[in-house]
Structures are given as structure tokens and as C-alpha cells.
Amino acid sequence: MSLKVIGAGIGRTGTYSLKLAISALGFGPCHHMEEVVKHLPVQLPLWQAALAGRADWPAIYDGYASAVDWPTARFFRELNAAYPEAKFVLSHRDPRTWAESFDATIYKLISGTDEAPEHLREWLAMGSEVIRQTGIPMGADLAGLEAAFTAHTAAVKAEIPADRLLVYQVKDGWDPLCAFLGVSVPDEPFPRTNDRGEFWDLIKSFS
């Protein structure tokens, strides 16, 4: 199975909703950071190797037809080269509201790696390195986070050919996503999930 849809948007841009939407449209299973946690013995070493420059994309995405969220979004350049026929979706939102959401969730989570359950510490360390390699330093204030977010958006737009890239906000629902992927709009509400409370509930379920 080869990836057909790749999400270049980073965490807290509606990636979990996008995962559910892409799957509902027939492009699943869809890889997401949640998949890494669910399959740590297999997935974690593969992503650690990718971060060290030894990516094995067929192994990482074995059984998946699409991928969104981190760690995938860190590797949009490499994945563009590896999957030249894939379509890319850049999920985004207002940079300030993204910075506030990221600061209150993912940033807070990785800053507490030392206090995390033992079995999650390597995963959190991997996630921290993914974020660093994406261009988001630890310790940045909201303005710094906004700048990093904007830089990532610009980098994706510069790298991915316009005819294979949808710049998308999940608040826009089915229509632009379905038009881009060439499928019909389903007769069901667009999935909207993973607000800050749901984020922490999901993290607790991993502990």
C-alpha cells in the first residue's frame, strides 16, 4: 500500500479531525501520532531512525493509505520525493490561536517528559526532537511560536507543487477537501474533535 494523501500540517491544526475525515472518504487507514503510541515497539524505533536520517518509509507506513500530524509533517520534503503522486493537505489555522493551543497542550506535555510514565519517555523524547526539527525550539514565547508556525506553512507552500497541495482549515468542512481528493461529499457531519480537553483525555489513556 502506498500513501495517497499526506498531511503537512503540524499538531493542533485539526489533524485528528482530518484523520477521521480522510478515513471516512476512503483513504484510510490514516497514520497519526496516536498510531505511534499504540504501536510503540514497532513505530518508535522506525521514527527514531528517520530522525537520524535513516527513514524506511515502506516500513513506517506499512498498512496505511494516508498520514497526517506529527511525525509525518516534519518530513514533508522527504515524503514529497518518496511519494511523487501523493496529494498533500496543509492544515492550518490562525497563528496566534495555534500558538496558544500548542503552548497549552503539546508544549506542556513534552516539557514534562521527566515526570511522565517510564514507558512513554522515549516516545516523548522522539516527539520533542520531531518538533525541534520542524523548527520549533523549546522555550519560545507565543510570538516565537507564531513565527515558527508561519515559517512551516511557507516552507510547505514553497516545496509542494500547487496542483498537489490543498491549504485547508478543518472549519471549512467537507467541500474543499472532497473537491481536492476527487470524491463525493459524504452524507454525514464533518468530524470535529480533539479540543484541549480531549487532548489531555487521550494522553491519560496512554498512561
N, C-alpha and C. Protein backbone atom coordinates (compact mmCIF):
# COMPACT_ATOMS: atom_id res chain seq x y z
N MET A 1 0.85 -1.19 0.00
CA MET A 1 0.00 0.00 0.00
C MET A 1 0.88 1.24 0.00
N SER A 2 0.57 2.19 -0.88
CA SER A 2 1.35 3.42 -0.97
C SER A 2 0.52 4.60 -0.48
N LEU A 3 1.19 5.57 0.13
CA LEU A 3 0.46 6.73 0.63
C LEU A 3 -0.15 7.51 -0.52
N LYS A 4 -1.42 7.83 -0.37
CA LYS A 4 -2.13 8.61 -1.37
C LYS A 4 -2.39 10.04 -0.91
N VAL A 5 -2.52 10.22 0.40
CA VAL A 5 -2.78 11.55 0.98
C VAL A 5 -1.82 11.75 2.14
N ILE A 6 -1.13 12.88 2.15
CA ILE A 6 -0.14 13.18 3.19
C ILE A 6 -0.46 14.54 3.80
N GLY A 7 -0.58 14.57 5.11
CA GLY A 7 -0.84 15.82 5.81
C GLY A 7 0.47 16.50 6.19
N ALA A 8 0.63 17.73 5.74
CA ALA A 8 1.84 18.51 6.07
C ALA A 8 1.60 19.48 7.22
N GLY A 9 0.39 19.50 7.74
CA GLY A 9 0.07 20.38 8.86
C GLY A 9 0.53 19.78 10.18
N ILE A 10 1.05 20.62 11.05
CA ILE A 10 1.58 20.15 12.32
C ILE A 10 0.47 20.00 13.36
N GLY A 11 0.82 19.43 14.51
CA GLY A 11 -0.16 19.21 15.57
C GLY A 11 -0.88 20.48 15.99
N ARG A 12 -2.12 20.33 16.41
CA ARG A 12 -3.01 21.41 16.84
C ARG A 12 -3.52 22.25 15.67
N THR A 13 -3.57 21.65 14.48
CA THR A 13 -4.21 22.32 13.34
C THR A 13 -5.42 21.52 12.86
N GLY A 14 -6.00 20.73 13.76
CA GLY A 14 -7.16 19.91 13.39
C GLY A 14 -6.76 18.59 12.76
N THR A 15 -5.57 18.10 13.08
CA THR A 15 -5.09 16.89 12.42
C THR A 15 -5.89 15.65 12.80
N TYR A 16 -6.42 15.59 14.01
CA TYR A 16 -7.20 14.41 14.38
C TYR A 16 -8.53 14.41 13.64
N SER A 17 -9.15 15.56 13.52
CA SER A 17 -10.37 15.66 12.72
C SER A 17 -10.08 15.30 11.27
N LEU A 18 -8.93 15.77 10.77
CA LEU A 18 -8.55 15.47 9.38
C LEU A 18 -8.33 13.98 9.19
N LYS A 19 -7.71 13.34 10.17
CA LYS A 19 -7.53 11.89 10.10
C LYS A 19 -8.86 11.18 9.94
N LEU A 20 -9.84 11.54 10.77
CA LEU A 20 -11.15 10.91 10.70
C LEU A 20 -11.84 11.20 9.37
N ALA A 21 -11.68 12.43 8.89
CA ALA A 21 -12.32 12.81 7.63
C ALA A 21 -11.71 12.05 6.45
N ILE A 22 -10.39 12.00 6.40
CA ILE A 22 -9.72 11.29 5.30
C ILE A 22 -10.09 9.82 5.30
N SER A 23 -10.17 9.23 6.48
CA SER A 23 -10.56 7.82 6.58
C SER A 23 -11.99 7.62 6.10
N ALA A 24 -12.88 8.54 6.46
CA ALA A 24 -14.28 8.44 6.04
C ALA A 24 -14.43 8.55 4.53
N LEU A 25 -13.49 9.22 3.89
CA LEU A 25 -13.53 9.40 2.44
C LEU A 25 -12.90 8.26 1.67
N GLY A 26 -12.44 7.23 2.37
CA GLY A 26 -11.91 6.05 1.71
C GLY A 26 -10.41 6.00 1.56
N PHE A 27 -9.70 6.89 2.27
CA PHE A 27 -8.24 6.93 2.16
C PHE A 27 -7.57 6.44 3.45
N GLY A 28 -8.25 5.60 4.19
CA GLY A 28 -7.67 5.04 5.39
C GLY A 28 -7.10 3.64 5.13
N PRO A 29 -6.46 3.06 6.14
CA PRO A 29 -6.14 3.65 7.44
C PRO A 29 -5.21 4.86 7.33
N CYS A 30 -5.38 5.78 8.27
CA CYS A 30 -4.62 7.03 8.26
C CYS A 30 -3.68 7.07 9.46
N HIS A 31 -2.40 7.25 9.19
CA HIS A 31 -1.40 7.32 10.25
C HIS A 31 -1.48 8.68 10.95
N HIS A 32 -1.29 8.65 12.26
CA HIS A 32 -1.35 9.85 13.11
C HIS A 32 -0.46 9.54 14.31
N MET A 33 -0.03 10.53 15.04
CA MET A 33 0.82 10.28 16.20
C MET A 33 0.21 9.24 17.14
N GLU A 34 -1.10 9.20 17.20
CA GLU A 34 -1.77 8.19 18.03
C GLU A 34 -1.34 6.78 17.64
N GLU A 35 -1.11 6.56 16.35
CA GLU A 35 -0.68 5.24 15.88
C GLU A 35 0.69 4.88 16.42
N VAL A 36 1.55 5.88 16.57
CA VAL A 36 2.88 5.62 17.12
C VAL A 36 2.77 5.10 18.55
N VAL A 37 1.93 5.76 19.34
CA VAL A 37 1.76 5.35 20.73
C VAL A 37 1.12 3.97 20.84
N LYS A 38 0.19 3.69 19.97
CA LYS A 38 -0.49 2.39 20.01
C LYS A 38 0.43 1.25 19.62
N HIS A 39 1.46 1.55 18.84
CA HIS A 39 2.36 0.51 18.33
C HIS A 39 3.81 0.88 18.61
N LEU A 40 4.09 1.26 19.84
CA LEU A 40 5.41 1.76 20.20
C LEU A 40 6.56 0.79 19.86
N PRO A 41 6.46 -0.50 20.14
CA PRO A 41 7.60 -1.38 19.86
C PRO A 41 8.03 -1.38 18.39
N VAL A 42 7.08 -1.19 17.48
CA VAL A 42 7.39 -1.17 16.05
C VAL A 42 7.66 0.25 15.57
N GLN A 43 6.77 1.17 15.92
CA GLN A 43 6.82 2.51 15.36
C GLN A 43 7.93 3.38 15.92
N LEU A 44 8.16 3.31 17.22
CA LEU A 44 9.14 4.22 17.82
C LEU A 44 10.55 4.05 17.24
N PRO A 45 11.09 2.84 17.13
CA PRO A 45 12.43 2.72 16.53
C PRO A 45 12.49 3.21 15.09
N LEU A 46 11.42 3.01 14.34
CA LEU A 46 11.39 3.47 12.96
C LEU A 46 11.47 4.98 12.87
N TRP A 47 10.74 5.66 13.74
CA TRP A 47 10.77 7.12 13.72
C TRP A 47 12.08 7.66 14.29
N GLN A 48 12.63 6.99 15.26
CA GLN A 48 13.93 7.40 15.77
C GLN A 48 14.98 7.32 14.67
N ALA A 49 14.91 6.26 13.87
CA ALA A 49 15.84 6.11 12.74
C ALA A 49 15.60 7.20 11.70
N ALA A 50 14.34 7.53 11.44
CA ALA A 50 14.03 8.57 10.46
C ALA A 50 14.61 9.91 10.89
N LEU A 51 14.51 10.21 12.17
CA LEU A 51 15.05 11.47 12.69
C LEU A 51 16.58 11.51 12.60
N ALA A 52 17.19 10.34 12.55
CA ALA A 52 18.65 10.26 12.41
C ALA A 52 19.08 10.15 10.95
N GLY A 53 18.11 10.29 10.03
CA GLY A 53 18.43 10.27 8.61
C GLY A 53 18.37 8.90 7.97
N ARG A 54 17.74 7.94 8.64
CA ARG A 54 17.67 6.58 8.10
C ARG A 54 16.20 6.14 8.00
N ALA A 55 15.42 6.88 7.27
CA ALA A 55 13.99 6.60 7.18
C ALA A 55 13.71 5.38 6.30
N ASP A 56 12.80 4.54 6.75
CA ASP A 56 12.29 3.41 5.98
C ASP A 56 10.80 3.63 5.80
N TRP A 57 10.44 4.42 4.80
CA TRP A 57 9.03 4.82 4.65
C TRP A 57 8.10 3.62 4.43
N PRO A 58 8.45 2.63 3.59
CA PRO A 58 7.53 1.49 3.45
C PRO A 58 7.25 0.78 4.77
N ALA A 59 8.25 0.70 5.64
CA ALA A 59 8.03 0.06 6.94
C ALA A 59 7.20 0.94 7.86
N ILE A 60 7.50 2.23 7.88
CA ILE A 60 6.76 3.16 8.74
C ILE A 60 5.29 3.17 8.39
N TYR A 61 4.99 3.22 7.09
CA TYR A 61 3.61 3.37 6.66
C TYR A 61 2.99 2.06 6.15
N ASP A 62 3.55 0.95 6.58
CA ASP A 62 3.01 -0.35 6.18
C ASP A 62 1.56 -0.48 6.63
N GLY A 63 0.66 -0.66 5.69
CA GLY A 63 -0.75 -0.81 6.00
C GLY A 63 -1.55 0.47 6.01
N TYR A 64 -0.89 1.62 5.78
CA TYR A 64 -1.58 2.91 5.79
C TYR A 64 -1.68 3.48 4.36
N ALA A 65 -2.82 4.08 4.07
CA ALA A 65 -3.02 4.73 2.77
C ALA A 65 -2.86 6.24 2.85
N SER A 66 -2.77 6.76 4.07
CA SER A 66 -2.64 8.21 4.27
C SER A 66 -1.95 8.45 5.60
N ALA A 67 -1.53 9.70 5.81
CA ALA A 67 -0.84 10.05 7.05
C ALA A 67 -1.00 11.54 7.31
N VAL A 68 -1.21 11.88 8.57
CA VAL A 68 -1.34 13.29 8.97
C VAL A 68 -0.61 13.49 10.31
N ASP A 69 -0.50 14.73 10.73
CA ASP A 69 0.02 15.07 12.05
C ASP A 69 1.53 14.84 12.10
N TRP A 70 2.15 15.18 13.24
CA TRP A 70 3.49 14.75 13.52
C TRP A 70 3.50 13.25 13.81
N PRO A 71 4.58 12.51 13.53
CA PRO A 71 5.85 12.95 12.96
C PRO A 71 5.83 13.22 11.46
N THR A 72 4.77 12.78 10.77
CA THR A 72 4.72 12.90 9.31
C THR A 72 5.03 14.31 8.83
N ALA A 73 4.41 15.31 9.45
CA ALA A 73 4.54 16.68 8.96
C ALA A 73 5.98 17.19 8.97
N ARG A 74 6.80 16.67 9.86
CA ARG A 74 8.21 17.06 9.89
C ARG A 74 8.92 16.69 8.58
N PHE A 75 8.45 15.62 7.91
CA PHE A 75 9.17 15.05 6.78
C PHE A 75 8.49 15.34 5.44
N PHE A 76 7.81 16.47 5.32
CA PHE A 76 7.07 16.72 4.08
C PHE A 76 7.98 16.76 2.86
N ARG A 77 9.19 17.25 3.01
CA ARG A 77 10.12 17.30 1.87
C ARG A 77 10.50 15.89 1.43
N GLU A 78 10.91 15.08 2.38
CA GLU A 78 11.31 13.71 2.08
C GLU A 78 10.14 12.90 1.51
N LEU A 79 8.96 13.11 2.06
CA LEU A 79 7.79 12.37 1.60
C LEU A 79 7.34 12.83 0.22
N ASN A 80 7.56 14.08 -0.10
CA ASN A 80 7.26 14.57 -1.45
C ASN A 80 8.13 13.85 -2.47
N ALA A 81 9.38 13.62 -2.11
CA ALA A 81 10.29 12.90 -3.01
C ALA A 81 9.94 11.41 -3.08
N ALA A 82 9.57 10.84 -1.93
CA ALA A 82 9.29 9.41 -1.88
C ALA A 82 7.95 9.03 -2.50
N TYR A 83 6.99 9.94 -2.44
CA TYR A 83 5.64 9.68 -2.95
C TYR A 83 5.22 10.80 -3.89
N PRO A 84 5.81 10.85 -5.09
CA PRO A 84 5.57 11.98 -6.01
C PRO A 84 4.15 12.07 -6.55
N GLU A 85 3.37 11.02 -6.39
CA GLU A 85 1.98 11.04 -6.87
C GLU A 85 1.00 11.40 -5.75
N ALA A 86 1.46 11.46 -4.53
CA ALA A 86 0.56 11.72 -3.40
C ALA A 86 0.06 13.16 -3.41
N LYS A 87 -1.12 13.33 -2.83
CA LYS A 87 -1.66 14.68 -2.63
C LYS A 87 -1.39 15.10 -1.19
N PHE A 88 -1.07 16.37 -1.02
CA PHE A 88 -0.73 16.91 0.29
C PHE A 88 -1.83 17.85 0.79
N VAL A 89 -2.14 17.74 2.06
CA VAL A 89 -3.09 18.65 2.71
C VAL A 89 -2.35 19.39 3.82
N LEU A 90 -2.28 20.71 3.68
CA LEU A 90 -1.64 21.54 4.70
C LEU A 90 -2.73 22.12 5.59
N SER A 91 -2.99 21.47 6.71
CA SER A 91 -3.96 22.01 7.65
C SER A 91 -3.32 23.16 8.41
N HIS A 92 -4.07 24.23 8.58
CA HIS A 92 -3.53 25.41 9.26
C HIS A 92 -4.65 26.14 9.99
N ARG A 93 -4.27 27.16 10.74
CA ARG A 93 -5.23 27.98 11.46
C ARG A 93 -4.55 29.31 11.76
N ASP A 94 -5.26 30.21 12.43
CA ASP A 94 -4.66 31.48 12.81
C ASP A 94 -3.42 31.22 13.65
N PRO A 95 -2.27 31.82 13.30
CA PRO A 95 -1.02 31.54 14.02
C PRO A 95 -1.09 31.81 15.52
N ARG A 96 -1.79 32.85 15.95
CA ARG A 96 -1.85 33.14 17.38
C ARG A 96 -2.67 32.09 18.12
N THR A 97 -3.82 31.72 17.58
CA THR A 97 -4.63 30.72 18.27
C THR A 97 -3.92 29.36 18.24
N TRP A 98 -3.17 29.08 17.16
CA TRP A 98 -2.38 27.85 17.15
C TRP A 98 -1.33 27.90 18.27
N ALA A 99 -0.60 29.01 18.39
CA ALA A 99 0.45 29.13 19.40
C ALA A 99 -0.12 28.93 20.79
N GLU A 100 -1.27 29.50 21.05
CA GLU A 100 -1.88 29.36 22.38
C GLU A 100 -2.28 27.91 22.65
N SER A 101 -2.84 27.25 21.62
CA SER A 101 -3.26 25.86 21.79
C SER A 101 -2.05 24.94 21.95
N PHE A 102 -1.04 25.13 21.12
CA PHE A 102 0.17 24.32 21.20
C PHE A 102 0.85 24.50 22.55
N ASP A 103 0.93 25.73 23.01
CA ASP A 103 1.59 26.03 24.28
C ASP A 103 0.88 25.34 25.45
N ALA A 104 -0.43 25.25 25.37
CA ALA A 104 -1.22 24.69 26.47
C ALA A 104 -1.36 23.17 26.40
N THR A 105 -0.89 22.56 25.32
CA THR A 105 -1.05 21.11 25.15
C THR A 105 0.29 20.44 24.87
N ILE A 106 0.69 20.39 23.63
CA ILE A 106 1.90 19.64 23.24
C ILE A 106 3.15 20.19 23.92
N TYR A 107 3.31 21.50 23.93
CA TYR A 107 4.48 22.12 24.58
C TYR A 107 4.54 21.74 26.06
N LYS A 108 3.39 21.81 26.71
CA LYS A 108 3.31 21.47 28.13
C LYS A 108 3.62 19.99 28.35
N LEU A 109 3.12 19.15 27.45
CA LEU A 109 3.34 17.71 27.56
C LEU A 109 4.83 17.36 27.46
N ILE A 110 5.50 17.86 26.44
CA ILE A 110 6.89 17.47 26.25
C ILE A 110 7.82 18.11 27.28
N SER A 111 7.40 19.23 27.85
CA SER A 111 8.22 19.85 28.89
C SER A 111 8.21 19.04 30.18
N GLY A 112 7.24 18.14 30.29
CA GLY A 112 7.16 17.30 31.48
C GLY A 112 7.61 15.88 31.26
N THR A 113 8.48 15.67 30.28
CA THR A 113 8.93 14.32 29.93
C THR A 113 9.51 13.59 31.13
N ASP A 114 10.29 14.27 31.96
CA ASP A 114 10.94 13.62 33.10
C ASP A 114 9.95 13.07 34.12
N GLU A 115 8.74 13.66 34.16
CA GLU A 115 7.73 13.21 35.11
C GLU A 115 6.74 12.24 34.49
N ALA A 116 6.92 11.94 33.21
CA ALA A 116 5.97 11.07 32.51
C ALA A 116 6.19 9.61 32.91
N PRO A 117 5.18 8.76 32.71
CA PRO A 117 5.37 7.32 32.95
C PRO A 117 6.56 6.81 32.15
N GLU A 118 7.29 5.89 32.73
CA GLU A 118 8.54 5.40 32.15
C GLU A 118 8.36 4.94 30.70
N HIS A 119 7.25 4.23 30.42
CA HIS A 119 7.09 3.65 29.09
C HIS A 119 6.79 4.70 28.01
N LEU A 120 6.53 5.94 28.41
CA LEU A 120 6.25 6.99 27.44
C LEU A 120 7.40 7.95 27.23
N ARG A 121 8.47 7.81 28.00
CA ARG A 121 9.51 8.83 27.96
C ARG A 121 10.27 8.85 26.63
N GLU A 122 10.58 7.68 26.08
CA GLU A 122 11.27 7.66 24.79
C GLU A 122 10.38 8.23 23.68
N TRP A 123 9.09 7.93 23.78
CA TRP A 123 8.15 8.49 22.79
C TRP A 123 8.12 10.01 22.89
N LEU A 124 8.06 10.53 24.09
CA LEU A 124 8.03 11.98 24.26
C LEU A 124 9.34 12.61 23.80
N ALA A 125 10.46 11.94 24.05
CA ALA A 125 11.75 12.45 23.57
C ALA A 125 11.78 12.48 22.05
N MET A 126 11.24 11.45 21.42
CA MET A 126 11.15 11.43 19.96
C MET A 126 10.27 12.58 19.48
N GLY A 127 9.13 12.78 20.13
CA GLY A 127 8.24 13.86 19.75
C GLY A 127 8.89 15.22 19.90
N SER A 128 9.65 15.39 20.96
CA SER A 128 10.37 16.65 21.16
C SER A 128 11.36 16.91 20.05
N GLU A 129 12.06 15.86 19.61
CA GLU A 129 13.02 16.02 18.52
C GLU A 129 12.32 16.31 17.19
N VAL A 130 11.18 15.68 16.97
CA VAL A 130 10.38 15.98 15.78
C VAL A 130 10.02 17.46 15.74
N ILE A 131 9.57 17.97 16.87
CA ILE A 131 9.16 19.37 16.95
C ILE A 131 10.37 20.29 16.73
N ARG A 132 11.49 19.93 17.33
CA ARG A 132 12.70 20.73 17.14
C ARG A 132 13.12 20.75 15.68
N GLN A 133 13.09 19.58 15.04
CA GLN A 133 13.50 19.51 13.63
C GLN A 133 12.50 20.21 12.71
N THR A 134 11.28 20.38 13.18
CA THR A 134 10.29 21.14 12.41
C THR A 134 10.58 22.63 12.46
N GLY A 135 11.41 23.04 13.40
CA GLY A 135 11.78 24.45 13.51
C GLY A 135 11.15 25.17 14.68
N ILE A 136 10.65 24.39 15.64
CA ILE A 136 10.01 24.97 16.82
C ILE A 136 10.90 24.70 18.03
N PRO A 137 11.60 25.69 18.55
CA PRO A 137 12.52 25.47 19.67
C PRO A 137 11.77 25.39 20.99
N MET A 138 12.34 24.69 21.93
CA MET A 138 11.80 24.70 23.29
C MET A 138 12.05 26.07 23.91
N GLY A 139 11.08 26.51 24.72
CA GLY A 139 11.26 27.76 25.43
C GLY A 139 10.82 29.00 24.68
N ALA A 140 10.25 28.85 23.50
CA ALA A 140 9.80 30.01 22.74
C ALA A 140 8.55 30.63 23.38
N ASP A 141 8.43 31.95 23.28
CA ASP A 141 7.21 32.60 23.73
C ASP A 141 6.17 32.52 22.61
N LEU A 142 5.00 33.09 22.84
CA LEU A 142 3.94 32.98 21.85
C LEU A 142 4.34 33.60 20.51
N ALA A 143 5.05 34.71 20.56
CA ALA A 143 5.48 35.35 19.31
C ALA A 143 6.45 34.44 18.56
N GLY A 144 7.35 33.78 19.30
CA GLY A 144 8.28 32.86 18.67
C GLY A 144 7.57 31.66 18.07
N LEU A 145 6.56 31.16 18.77
CA LEU A 145 5.78 30.04 18.24
C LEU A 145 5.03 30.46 16.98
N GLU A 146 4.44 31.64 17.00
CA GLU A 146 3.75 32.14 15.80
C GLU A 146 4.69 32.20 14.61
N ALA A 147 5.89 32.71 14.83
CA ALA A 147 6.87 32.84 13.75
C ALA A 147 7.26 31.47 13.19
N ALA A 148 7.45 30.51 14.08
CA ALA A 148 7.81 29.16 13.64
C ALA A 148 6.67 28.52 12.85
N PHE A 149 5.46 28.72 13.30
CA PHE A 149 4.29 28.18 12.61
C PHE A 149 4.18 28.77 11.21
N THR A 150 4.33 30.07 11.11
CA THR A 150 4.24 30.75 9.83
C THR A 150 5.35 30.29 8.89
N ALA A 151 6.54 30.06 9.43
CA ALA A 151 7.67 29.60 8.62
C ALA A 151 7.40 28.20 8.07
N HIS A 152 6.81 27.34 8.88
CA HIS A 152 6.49 25.99 8.40
C HIS A 152 5.47 26.05 7.26
N THR A 153 4.44 26.85 7.44
CA THR A 153 3.43 26.99 6.39
C THR A 153 4.06 27.46 5.08
N ALA A 154 4.93 28.45 5.17
CA ALA A 154 5.60 28.98 3.98
C ALA A 154 6.49 27.93 3.33
N ALA A 155 7.18 27.13 4.15
CA ALA A 155 8.08 26.11 3.63
C ALA A 155 7.31 25.04 2.86
N VAL A 156 6.16 24.64 3.38
CA VAL A 156 5.35 23.63 2.69
C VAL A 156 4.86 24.19 1.36
N LYS A 157 4.38 25.40 1.36
CA LYS A 157 3.89 26.01 0.12
C LYS A 157 4.99 26.13 -0.92
N ALA A 158 6.20 26.37 -0.47
CA ALA A 158 7.33 26.50 -1.39
C ALA A 158 7.78 25.16 -1.95
N GLU A 159 7.58 24.09 -1.19
CA GLU A 159 8.09 22.77 -1.56
C GLU A 159 7.13 21.96 -2.42
N ILE A 160 5.85 21.97 -2.06
CA ILE A 160 4.88 21.08 -2.70
C ILE A 160 4.24 21.80 -3.90
N PRO A 161 4.24 21.17 -5.07
CA PRO A 161 3.60 21.80 -6.24
C PRO A 161 2.14 22.16 -5.95
N ALA A 162 1.73 23.31 -6.43
CA ALA A 162 0.40 23.83 -6.10
C ALA A 162 -0.72 22.89 -6.53
N ASP A 163 -0.52 22.13 -7.62
CA ASP A 163 -1.59 21.24 -8.08
C ASP A 163 -1.73 19.98 -7.22
N ARG A 164 -0.78 19.78 -6.31
CA ARG A 164 -0.85 18.63 -5.41
C ARG A 164 -1.01 19.04 -3.96
N LEU A 165 -1.31 20.31 -3.73
CA LEU A 165 -1.40 20.84 -2.36
C LEU A 165 -2.72 21.55 -2.11
N LEU A 166 -3.37 21.16 -1.02
CA LEU A 166 -4.56 21.87 -0.55
C LEU A 166 -4.20 22.55 0.77
N VAL A 167 -4.30 23.86 0.79
CA VAL A 167 -4.12 24.62 2.03
C VAL A 167 -5.51 24.72 2.66
N TYR A 168 -5.67 24.17 3.83
CA TYR A 168 -7.00 23.81 4.32
C TYR A 168 -7.18 24.07 5.81
N GLN A 169 -8.36 24.55 6.17
CA GLN A 169 -8.74 24.67 7.57
C GLN A 169 -9.93 23.73 7.82
N VAL A 170 -9.86 22.96 8.89
CA VAL A 170 -10.92 21.99 9.12
C VAL A 170 -12.28 22.65 9.33
N LYS A 171 -12.28 23.91 9.71
CA LYS A 171 -13.56 24.62 9.87
C LYS A 171 -14.30 24.76 8.54
N ASP A 172 -13.59 24.56 7.42
CA ASP A 172 -14.22 24.66 6.10
C ASP A 172 -14.94 23.39 5.70
N GLY A 173 -14.78 22.32 6.49
CA GLY A 173 -15.59 21.13 6.29
C GLY A 173 -15.24 20.30 5.06
N TRP A 174 -16.27 19.60 4.58
CA TRP A 174 -16.07 18.61 3.53
C TRP A 174 -15.73 19.19 2.16
N ASP A 175 -16.38 20.27 1.75
CA ASP A 175 -16.37 20.66 0.34
C ASP A 175 -14.97 20.82 -0.26
N PRO A 176 -14.08 21.65 0.30
CA PRO A 176 -12.77 21.79 -0.35
C PRO A 176 -11.94 20.52 -0.30
N LEU A 177 -12.08 19.75 0.77
CA LEU A 177 -11.32 18.50 0.89
C LEU A 177 -11.79 17.48 -0.14
N CYS A 178 -13.10 17.33 -0.28
CA CYS A 178 -13.64 16.36 -1.24
C CYS A 178 -13.32 16.77 -2.68
N ALA A 179 -13.42 18.07 -2.96
CA ALA A 179 -13.09 18.53 -4.32
C ALA A 179 -11.63 18.24 -4.65
N PHE A 180 -10.76 18.46 -3.71
CA PHE A 180 -9.33 18.24 -3.92
C PHE A 180 -9.01 16.76 -4.12
N LEU A 181 -9.67 15.90 -3.35
CA LEU A 181 -9.41 14.46 -3.44
C LEU A 181 -10.25 13.77 -4.51
N GLY A 182 -11.16 14.51 -5.13
CA GLY A 182 -11.95 13.96 -6.22
C GLY A 182 -12.98 12.94 -5.79
N VAL A 183 -13.59 13.17 -4.64
CA VAL A 183 -14.62 12.26 -4.14
C VAL A 183 -15.88 13.06 -3.78
N SER A 184 -16.97 12.34 -3.63
CA SER A 184 -18.24 12.97 -3.30
C SER A 184 -18.29 13.36 -1.82
N VAL A 185 -19.06 14.40 -1.53
CA VAL A 185 -19.27 14.81 -0.15
C VAL A 185 -20.15 13.79 0.55
N PRO A 186 -19.69 13.22 1.66
CA PRO A 186 -20.50 12.20 2.34
C PRO A 186 -21.71 12.79 3.04
N ASP A 187 -22.68 11.95 3.25
CA ASP A 187 -23.91 12.37 3.92
C ASP A 187 -23.76 12.15 5.42
N GLU A 188 -22.79 12.84 6.02
CA GLU A 188 -22.57 12.76 7.46
C GLU A 188 -21.86 14.02 7.90
N PRO A 189 -22.00 14.40 9.15
CA PRO A 189 -21.34 15.62 9.62
C PRO A 189 -19.81 15.48 9.55
N PHE A 190 -19.14 16.59 9.28
CA PHE A 190 -17.68 16.58 9.30
C PHE A 190 -17.21 16.33 10.73
N PRO A 191 -16.24 15.44 10.92
CA PRO A 191 -15.77 15.14 12.28
C PRO A 191 -15.01 16.31 12.89
N ARG A 192 -15.40 16.71 14.06
CA ARG A 192 -14.71 17.79 14.77
C ARG A 192 -14.40 17.29 16.18
N THR A 193 -13.11 17.17 16.46
CA THR A 193 -12.72 16.55 17.72
C THR A 193 -11.35 17.03 18.16
N ASN A 194 -10.93 16.58 19.35
CA ASN A 194 -9.62 16.84 19.93
C ASN A 194 -9.40 18.30 20.31
N ASP A 195 -10.37 18.87 21.03
CA ASP A 195 -10.10 20.16 21.65
C ASP A 195 -9.13 19.93 22.80
N ARG A 196 -8.79 20.96 23.56
CA ARG A 196 -7.75 20.81 24.57
C ARG A 196 -8.10 19.77 25.62
N GLY A 197 -9.36 19.74 26.01
CA GLY A 197 -9.78 18.75 26.99
C GLY A 197 -9.64 17.33 26.45
N GLU A 198 -10.06 17.12 25.21
CA GLU A 198 -9.94 15.80 24.60
C GLU A 198 -8.49 15.40 24.42
N PHE A 199 -7.63 16.38 24.13
CA PHE A 199 -6.19 16.10 24.02
C PHE A 199 -5.67 15.46 25.30
N TRP A 200 -5.98 16.07 26.44
CA TRP A 200 -5.47 15.54 27.71
C TRP A 200 -6.12 14.22 28.08
N ASP A 201 -7.38 14.06 27.70
CA ASP A 201 -8.03 12.76 27.93
C ASP A 201 -7.33 11.66 27.14
N LEU A 202 -6.95 11.96 25.90
CA LEU A 202 -6.26 10.98 25.07
C LEU A 202 -4.89 10.63 25.68
N ILE A 203 -4.18 11.65 26.14
CA ILE A 203 -2.87 11.40 26.75
C ILE A 203 -3.01 10.52 27.99
N LYS A 204 -4.03 10.80 28.80
CA LYS A 204 -4.25 9.98 30.00
C LYS A 204 -4.52 8.52 29.64
N SER A 205 -5.18 8.30 28.51
CA SER A 205 -5.48 6.93 28.11
C SER A 205 -4.23 6.16 27.75
N PHE A 206 -3.13 6.85 27.42
CA PHE A 206 -1.88 6.17 27.09
C PHE A 206 -1.09 5.79 28.33
N SER A 207 -1.39 6.43 29.45
CA SER A 207 -0.57 6.25 30.66
C SER A 207 -0.82 4.92 31.36
